Amino acid sequence: MKYDAIVIGAGPAGLAFGRTLAEKGYRVAILEKEDQLSTKPCGEGISARVLETARISQKDVSRFASRIIKGATIIAPNGKQIIIKQEGEMGYIIDKRNFLRVMAEYAANAGTDIFMREQAKDFERTSSNTIRIKARTIELEAPLLIGADGYLSTVSRKFNLEKPGERKVIPAIQYVMTNVDVEDPELTYFYIGNNIAPLGYVWIFPKDGTLANVGIGVQGASPRYYLDKFIKEHKEIFSKSKIIEFRGAAVTIGGQLEKIVTDNVMLIGEAAGQVIPLTGGGIHTSIAGGKIAAEIAAEALEKGDLSEKFLAKYKKEYDKYWGKRINDSLKGLKAIENLNDDELNQLAEIFDAEDIINLANGENITKVAMKLLKHPIFSVKIAKILLSK
């Protein structure tokens, strides 16, 4: 079967790419190795802006939104809370599988062919400047290959786009728990501290009913040990709770890969490292990557130029906003992970809600740095890192 583009992976990036390119009249196939969408654990929180980037109709939100979120609470090691709140809908806790089903529906309605349980096993460049892919039961061929296959990307390794040791990942696990008793279920909760989650954080994202996603990401430690410890130490939240689901995976936190295109090949989403390092959030950045890559792919296919030089326009376009955010968030992560608990507590006294949002999302970090330059400790430990090139 011949296509204009073949996408490996039916996650947010792959589905966004498939829909966008198919809408322009090109033939697109997506190969997904799993037999269902969304097998990777995810906190399942998205901002309201994701719907705009993903071009999802408001009438479809009820199909995947578990709860409207109106803010977040950051809890420092000493228990001090910083509450980030706004009027209206700040975002949603979603059922990610249903969210991807909606995205897949849009992609399929645009003309994309989606093949489930078809792991790509062999990639071959042909004499006609196409790439032939053998999957579990089918064989496809296209002039353009898109790697949307996550942090263990086969495509990135097969085409030498990822340097050894370039990708940094941390282990993360998540429980779905019943009877989680948080103070305000319209807020999400983030707990930081080296005795809570070494070089990471614990999250509580309330879902529908009394259910909540309760997870942790750490560096250099056992995530399950620290998550179980956190639950035992917070009986006011979990005394009546039970675990009904468990998932674990790695999360990319090292920033975008230096090289995400080569002749006839593009990487998008987590395969390209398009994840906000400080939070580990990748849905929005991945959808944006898929859309931008599809725009450049359409130009390349129209011109018949699938060279690395032409496809490099994709990274340049992505970096104007999203790549810069990822890089600035990586600076924030490098600065924060050097702090002990006393310093984290001090930071909680200095920061307001806007500072937290900016640092976490990699936006306006110069403003955050200028505030910290006035502090004798943080001017060296954080501000100079944030201001570095």
Protein backbone atom coordinates (compact mmCIF):
# COMPACT_ATOMS: atom_id res chain seq x y z
CA MET A 1 0.00 0.00 0.00
CA LYS A 2 1.40 3.36 -1.01
CA TYR A 3 0.90 6.59 0.91
CA ASP A 4 2.28 10.10 0.93
CA ALA A 5 3.24 9.80 4.61
CA ILE A 6 3.39 7.00 7.16
CA VAL A 7 3.21 7.86 10.85
CA ILE A 8 4.51 5.49 13.53
CA GLY A 9 2.44 6.02 16.68
CA ALA A 10 -1.18 7.06 17.30
CA GLY A 11 -0.61 9.46 20.18
CA PRO A 12 -1.51 13.16 20.27
CA ALA A 13 1.33 14.12 17.90
CA GLY A 14 0.69 11.38 15.36
CA LEU A 15 -3.06 11.95 15.25
CA ALA A 16 -2.64 15.73 14.92
CA PHE A 17 -0.18 15.20 12.06
CA GLY A 18 -2.43 12.68 10.32
CA ARG A 19 -5.49 14.90 10.45
CA THR A 20 -3.67 18.06 9.33
CA LEU A 21 -1.93 16.45 6.36
CA ALA A 22 -4.98 14.44 5.28
CA GLU A 23 -7.10 17.60 5.28
CA LYS A 24 -4.74 18.94 2.61
CA GLY A 25 -5.56 16.01 0.35
CA TYR A 26 -2.59 13.74 1.06
CA ARG A 27 -2.81 10.03 1.82
CA VAL A 28 -1.70 9.29 5.38
CA ALA A 29 -1.38 6.01 7.30
CA ILE A 30 -0.80 5.70 11.04
CA LEU A 31 0.65 2.49 12.47
CA GLU A 32 0.04 1.86 16.19
CA LYS A 33 1.69 -1.11 17.88
CA GLU A 34 -0.87 -1.37 20.71
CA ASP A 35 -4.39 -2.73 20.30
CA GLN A 36 -5.93 0.35 21.92
CA LEU A 37 -5.16 4.03 22.28
CA SER A 38 -3.42 5.57 25.30
CA THR A 39 -1.64 2.79 27.13
CA LYS A 40 0.98 5.10 28.67
CA PRO A 41 0.20 6.58 32.13
CA CYS A 42 -0.64 10.27 32.14
CA GLY A 43 -1.82 12.76 34.76
CA GLU A 44 -4.50 13.60 32.18
CA GLY A 45 -4.54 17.32 32.85
CA ILE A 46 -4.75 19.74 29.93
CA SER A 47 -5.13 23.49 29.69
CA ALA A 48 -8.15 24.96 27.95
CA ARG A 49 -5.80 26.15 25.18
CA VAL A 50 -5.16 22.55 24.12
CA LEU A 51 -8.62 22.37 22.57
CA GLU A 52 -7.82 25.35 20.35
CA THR A 53 -4.48 23.91 19.22
CA ALA A 54 -6.04 20.49 18.60
CA ARG A 55 -9.05 22.08 16.87
CA ILE A 56 -11.52 20.11 18.95
CA SER A 57 -15.11 21.32 18.91
CA GLN A 58 -16.59 22.39 22.24
CA LYS A 59 -19.49 20.02 21.61
CA ASP A 60 -17.09 17.08 21.85
CA VAL A 61 -15.51 18.07 25.19
CA SER A 62 -18.10 16.16 27.22
CA ARG A 63 -16.94 12.96 25.49
CA PHE A 64 -13.56 13.03 27.24
CA ALA A 65 -13.57 15.65 30.04
CA SER A 66 -13.82 14.09 33.52
CA ARG A 67 -13.76 17.39 35.40
CA ILE A 68 -13.29 21.10 34.84
CA ILE A 69 -10.19 22.43 36.56
CA LYS A 70 -10.18 26.00 37.85
CA GLY A 71 -6.68 26.13 39.32
CA ALA A 72 -3.77 24.40 40.99
CA THR A 73 -2.14 24.25 44.40
CA ILE A 74 1.61 23.93 44.86
CA ILE A 75 2.58 22.57 48.30
CA ALA A 76 6.11 23.30 49.54
CA PRO A 77 8.00 20.87 51.81
CA ASN A 78 6.88 22.80 54.93
CA GLY A 79 3.24 22.67 53.85
CA LYS A 80 2.94 26.24 52.57
CA GLN A 81 0.49 26.44 49.70
CA ILE A 82 0.59 28.62 46.62
CA ILE A 83 -2.83 28.62 44.96
CA ILE A 84 -3.11 29.41 41.27
CA LYS A 85 -6.70 30.16 40.39
CA GLN A 86 -8.70 32.00 37.77
CA GLU A 87 -12.31 32.56 36.90
CA GLY A 88 -13.84 30.12 34.46
CA GLU A 89 -12.17 27.05 33.01
CA MET A 90 -8.39 26.88 33.41
CA GLY A 91 -8.37 23.40 31.95
CA TYR A 92 -9.72 19.87 32.20
CA ILE A 93 -8.93 16.50 33.68
CA ILE A 94 -9.56 14.18 30.79
CA ASP A 95 -9.95 10.52 30.08
CA LYS A 96 -6.97 10.39 27.74
CA ARG A 97 -8.17 7.31 25.90
CA ASN A 98 -11.45 9.03 25.04
CA PHE A 99 -9.55 12.21 24.16
CA LEU A 100 -7.41 10.28 21.68
CA ARG A 101 -10.51 8.55 20.33
CA VAL A 102 -11.93 11.96 19.46
CA MET A 103 -8.63 12.98 17.86
CA ALA A 104 -8.55 9.67 15.95
CA GLU A 105 -12.12 10.23 14.79
CA TYR A 106 -11.19 13.65 13.42
CA ALA A 107 -8.12 12.22 11.70
CA ALA A 108 -10.03 9.30 10.20
CA ASN A 109 -12.84 11.57 9.00
CA ALA A 110 -10.20 13.68 7.25
CA GLY A 111 -9.06 10.56 5.38
CA THR A 112 -6.27 9.13 7.55
CA ASP A 113 -6.01 5.33 7.67
CA ILE A 114 -5.26 4.10 11.20
CA PHE A 115 -3.94 0.57 11.67
CA MET A 116 -4.01 -0.72 15.24
CA ARG A 117 -1.83 -3.55 16.55
CA GLU A 118 0.60 -3.05 13.68
CA GLN A 119 4.09 -2.63 15.08
CA ALA A 120 6.60 -1.40 12.51
CA LYS A 121 9.30 -4.07 12.40
CA ASP A 122 11.47 -3.18 9.44
CA PHE A 123 12.37 0.07 7.64
CA GLU A 124 14.00 0.10 4.21
CA ARG A 125 14.98 2.96 1.91
CA THR A 126 14.07 2.08 -1.67
CA SER A 127 15.77 3.03 -4.93
CA SER A 128 12.80 5.30 -5.71
CA ASN A 129 13.55 7.50 -2.67
CA THR A 130 10.73 6.14 -0.54
CA ILE A 131 10.68 4.24 2.73
CA ARG A 132 9.13 0.79 2.87
CA ILE A 133 7.83 -0.42 6.22
CA LYS A 134 6.95 -3.96 7.19
CA ALA A 135 4.53 -4.16 10.08
CA ARG A 136 2.92 -7.14 11.78
CA THR A 137 0.56 -8.05 8.92
CA ILE A 138 0.92 -5.27 6.33
CA GLU A 139 3.58 -3.59 4.21
CA LEU A 140 3.43 0.13 3.42
CA GLU A 141 5.52 2.55 1.38
CA ALA A 142 5.75 6.35 1.36
CA PRO A 143 8.23 9.12 0.55
CA LEU A 144 7.84 10.51 4.08
CA LEU A 145 8.14 8.73 7.43
CA ILE A 146 7.01 10.35 10.69
CA GLY A 147 8.32 9.07 14.02
CA ALA A 148 5.64 9.71 16.64
CA ASP A 149 6.60 6.64 18.63
CA GLY A 150 7.45 8.09 22.03
CA TYR A 151 10.56 8.10 24.21
CA LEU A 152 11.63 4.64 22.98
CA SER A 153 11.41 5.84 19.38
CA THR A 154 12.45 3.17 16.90
CA VAL A 155 12.46 5.76 14.14
CA SER A 156 14.91 8.07 15.92
CA ARG A 157 17.37 5.23 16.47
CA LYS A 158 16.93 3.60 13.05
CA PHE A 159 17.76 6.84 11.23
CA ASN A 160 20.45 8.03 13.66
CA LEU A 161 18.56 11.10 14.84
CA GLU A 162 19.16 10.46 18.53
CA LYS A 163 22.67 10.60 19.95
CA PRO A 164 23.61 8.00 22.59
CA GLY A 165 22.68 9.41 26.00
CA GLU A 166 21.05 12.52 24.52
CA ARG A 167 17.57 11.70 25.79
CA LYS A 168 17.04 12.08 29.53
CA VAL A 169 14.08 10.26 31.07
CA ILE A 170 12.79 9.72 34.59
CA PRO A 171 10.57 6.93 35.95
CA ALA A 172 6.98 7.85 36.72
CA ILE A 173 4.11 5.81 38.12
CA GLN A 174 0.46 6.58 38.70
CA TYR A 175 -2.42 5.06 40.63
CA VAL A 176 -6.09 5.67 39.99
CA MET A 177 -7.55 5.78 43.50
CA THR A 178 -11.05 5.87 44.98
CA ASN A 179 -12.31 8.13 47.79
CA VAL A 180 -9.53 10.69 47.47
CA ASP A 181 -10.52 13.50 49.82
CA VAL A 182 -8.92 16.74 48.61
CA GLU A 183 -10.00 20.12 49.89
CA ASP A 184 -11.20 21.40 46.50
CA PRO A 185 -11.75 18.89 43.66
CA GLU A 186 -11.70 21.72 41.11
CA LEU A 187 -7.99 22.20 41.81
CA THR A 188 -5.00 20.04 40.93
CA TYR A 189 -2.33 19.44 43.60
CA PHE A 190 1.46 19.32 43.30
CA TYR A 191 3.73 18.38 46.23
CA ILE A 192 7.45 19.10 46.08
CA GLY A 193 10.34 18.27 48.39
CA ASN A 194 13.37 16.01 48.46
CA ASN A 195 11.76 13.78 51.09
CA ILE A 196 8.51 13.68 49.12
CA ALA A 197 9.71 13.15 45.56
CA PRO A 198 13.48 13.46 45.01
CA LEU A 199 14.11 15.80 42.05
CA GLY A 200 10.47 15.47 41.04
CA TYR A 201 6.97 15.92 42.41
CA VAL A 202 3.78 14.14 43.47
CA TRP A 203 0.54 15.04 41.74
CA ILE A 204 -3.12 14.57 42.63
CA PHE A 205 -5.54 15.21 39.79
CA PRO A 206 -9.20 14.73 40.85
CA LYS A 207 -11.34 12.96 38.25
CA ASP A 208 -15.06 12.27 38.19
CA GLY A 209 -16.77 11.13 41.37
CA THR A 210 -14.24 10.50 44.15
CA LEU A 211 -11.59 9.13 41.77
CA ALA A 212 -8.20 10.80 41.32
CA ASN A 213 -4.98 10.22 39.44
CA VAL A 214 -2.23 10.07 42.07
CA GLY A 215 1.26 9.88 40.63
CA ILE A 216 4.92 10.67 41.04
CA GLY A 217 8.03 11.29 38.98
CA VAL A 218 11.47 11.13 40.59
CA GLN A 219 15.15 11.02 39.70
CA GLY A 220 17.60 8.52 41.16
CA ALA A 221 15.03 6.86 43.44
CA SER A 222 12.19 4.35 43.48
CA PRO A 223 8.96 6.09 42.42
CA ARG A 224 6.75 3.41 43.97
CA TYR A 225 8.50 3.62 47.34
CA TYR A 226 8.05 7.38 47.54
CA LEU A 227 4.46 7.34 46.26
CA ASP A 228 3.41 4.67 48.77
CA LYS A 229 5.20 6.62 51.50
CA PHE A 230 3.39 9.82 50.51
CA ILE A 231 0.00 8.09 50.63
CA LYS A 232 0.69 6.60 54.08
CA GLU A 233 1.77 9.99 55.42
CA HIS A 234 -1.35 11.79 54.17
CA LYS A 235 -4.18 9.94 55.86
CA GLU A 236 -6.33 13.06 55.77
CA ILE A 237 -6.53 12.52 52.00
CA PHE A 238 -6.24 8.76 51.56
CA SER A 239 -7.60 7.07 54.72
CA LYS A 240 -10.56 5.61 52.80
CA SER A 241 -8.83 5.27 49.44
CA LYS A 242 -8.14 2.15 47.44
CA ILE A 243 -5.99 1.65 44.34
CA ILE A 244 -7.97 0.40 41.35
CA GLU A 245 -5.41 0.97 38.55
CA PHE A 246 -1.62 1.09 38.30
CA ARG A 247 0.62 2.19 35.45
CA GLY A 248 4.26 3.07 35.07
CA ALA A 249 6.49 4.48 32.33
CA ALA A 250 9.37 6.82 31.69
CA VAL A 251 8.94 10.51 30.89
CA THR A 252 11.31 12.58 28.73
CA ILE A 253 12.64 15.62 30.61
CA GLY A 254 15.85 16.41 28.74
CA GLY A 255 14.39 18.84 26.22
CA GLN A 256 14.00 18.59 22.47
CA LEU A 257 16.50 16.49 20.52
CA GLU A 258 19.09 18.50 18.63
CA LYS A 259 18.24 16.79 15.35
CA ILE A 260 14.63 15.87 14.54
CA VAL A 261 14.72 15.58 10.74
CA THR A 262 16.75 13.83 8.08
CA ASP A 263 16.05 12.99 4.46
CA ASN A 264 12.46 11.64 4.21
CA VAL A 265 12.08 11.46 8.00
CA MET A 266 10.64 13.72 10.73
CA LEU A 267 10.24 13.19 14.48
CA ILE A 268 7.30 14.65 16.39
CA GLY A 269 5.96 14.60 19.94
CA GLU A 270 7.85 12.80 22.68
CA ALA A 271 9.93 10.99 20.06
CA ALA A 272 11.40 14.43 19.30
CA GLY A 273 11.65 15.34 23.00
CA GLN A 274 8.74 17.77 22.70
CA VAL A 275 7.85 17.68 26.40
CA ILE A 276 7.94 20.51 28.96
CA PRO A 277 10.85 19.33 31.20
CA LEU A 278 9.83 20.90 34.51
CA THR A 279 6.30 19.45 34.46
CA GLY A 280 6.67 16.44 32.17
CA GLY A 281 3.59 17.64 30.26
CA GLY A 282 3.62 16.71 26.60
CA ILE A 283 0.09 16.65 25.20
CA HIS A 284 -0.04 20.30 24.11
CA THR A 285 3.55 20.48 22.86
CA SER A 286 3.10 17.23 20.94
CA ILE A 287 -0.11 18.30 19.22
CA ALA A 288 1.59 21.54 18.20
CA GLY A 289 4.56 19.56 16.87
CA GLY A 290 2.30 17.31 14.82
CA LYS A 291 0.45 20.24 13.27
CA ILE A 292 3.58 22.25 12.42
CA ALA A 293 5.32 19.17 10.98
CA ALA A 294 2.28 18.47 8.79
CA GLU A 295 2.29 22.02 7.41
CA ILE A 296 5.94 21.69 6.38
CA ALA A 297 5.38 18.14 5.11
CA ALA A 298 2.63 19.40 2.80
CA GLU A 299 5.01 22.00 1.36
CA ALA A 300 7.73 19.37 0.93
CA LEU A 301 5.40 16.91 -0.81
CA GLU A 302 4.07 19.62 -3.10
CA LYS A 303 7.59 20.65 -4.13
CA GLY A 304 8.84 17.07 -4.26
CA ASP A 305 11.69 18.03 -1.91
CA LEU A 306 11.93 15.76 1.14
CA SER A 307 15.55 16.56 1.85
CA GLU A 308 16.84 17.22 5.35
CA LYS A 309 17.53 20.81 4.32
CA PHE A 310 13.92 21.49 3.38
CA LEU A 311 12.36 19.54 6.27
CA ALA A 312 14.55 21.53 8.70
CA LYS A 313 12.01 24.35 8.25
CA TYR A 314 9.80 22.36 10.64
CA LYS A 315 12.21 22.66 13.59
CA LYS A 316 12.82 26.34 12.89
CA GLU A 317 9.09 27.00 12.89
CA TYR A 318 8.49 24.89 16.01
CA ASP A 319 11.34 26.55 17.90
CA LYS A 320 9.94 30.06 17.46
CA TYR A 321 7.52 29.45 20.33
CA TRP A 322 7.32 25.84 21.48
CA GLY A 323 11.01 24.98 21.27
CA LYS A 324 11.88 28.12 23.21
CA ARG A 325 9.37 27.19 25.92
CA ILE A 326 10.85 23.71 26.21
CA ASN A 327 14.39 25.08 26.44
CA ASP A 328 13.42 27.71 29.03
CA SER A 329 11.56 25.12 31.10
CA LEU A 330 14.69 22.95 30.99
CA LYS A 331 16.63 25.86 32.48
CA GLY A 332 14.02 26.06 35.22
CA LEU A 333 14.34 22.35 35.93
CA LYS A 334 18.14 22.56 36.15
CA ALA A 335 17.84 25.45 38.59
CA ILE A 336 15.15 23.96 40.82
CA GLU A 337 16.67 20.49 41.10
CA ASN A 338 19.72 21.97 42.83
CA LEU A 339 17.68 23.29 45.76
CA ASN A 340 17.32 21.66 49.18
CA ASP A 341 14.03 21.69 51.09
CA ASP A 342 14.87 24.84 53.07
CA GLU A 343 15.54 26.67 49.81
CA LEU A 344 12.33 25.34 48.27
CA ASN A 345 10.44 26.68 51.30
CA GLN A 346 12.11 30.08 50.86
CA LEU A 347 11.21 30.07 47.19
CA ALA A 348 7.57 29.47 48.13
CA GLU A 349 7.70 32.68 50.17
CA ILE A 350 9.12 34.66 47.26
CA PHE A 351 7.10 33.31 44.35
CA ASP A 352 3.55 34.27 43.53
CA ALA A 353 1.14 32.34 41.29
CA GLU A 354 2.33 34.06 38.12
CA ASP A 355 5.96 33.19 38.86
CA ILE A 356 5.06 29.51 39.29
CA ILE A 357 3.14 29.41 36.00
CA ASN A 358 5.95 31.15 34.12
CA LEU A 359 8.69 28.92 35.50
CA ALA A 360 6.76 25.67 35.05
CA ASN A 361 5.71 26.47 31.48
CA GLY A 362 8.95 28.06 30.33
CA GLU A 363 7.37 31.44 29.69
CA ASN A 364 8.56 34.91 30.74
CA ILE A 365 11.46 33.37 32.68
CA THR A 366 13.48 36.57 32.34
CA LYS A 367 10.85 38.26 34.51
CA VAL A 368 11.22 35.47 37.10
CA ALA A 369 15.02 35.74 36.96
CA MET A 370 14.99 39.51 37.51
CA LYS A 371 12.90 39.01 40.62
CA LEU A 372 15.36 36.43 41.96
CA LEU A 373 18.44 38.54 41.20
CA LYS A 374 17.56 40.62 44.26
CA HIS A 375 17.90 37.56 46.51
CA PRO A 376 21.43 36.72 47.77
CA ILE A 377 21.04 32.94 47.43
CA PHE A 378 18.75 32.62 44.43
CA SER A 379 20.59 35.19 42.33
CA VAL A 380 23.38 32.63 41.97
CA LYS A 381 21.48 29.36 42.22
CA ILE A 382 18.56 30.16 39.95
CA ALA A 383 18.60 33.57 38.29
CA LYS A 384 21.90 33.13 36.45
CA ILE A 385 20.81 29.73 35.12
CA LEU A 386 17.52 31.17 33.87
CA LEU A 387 19.33 34.02 32.14
CA SER A 388 21.92 31.76 30.48
CA LYS A 389 21.84 31.15 26.73
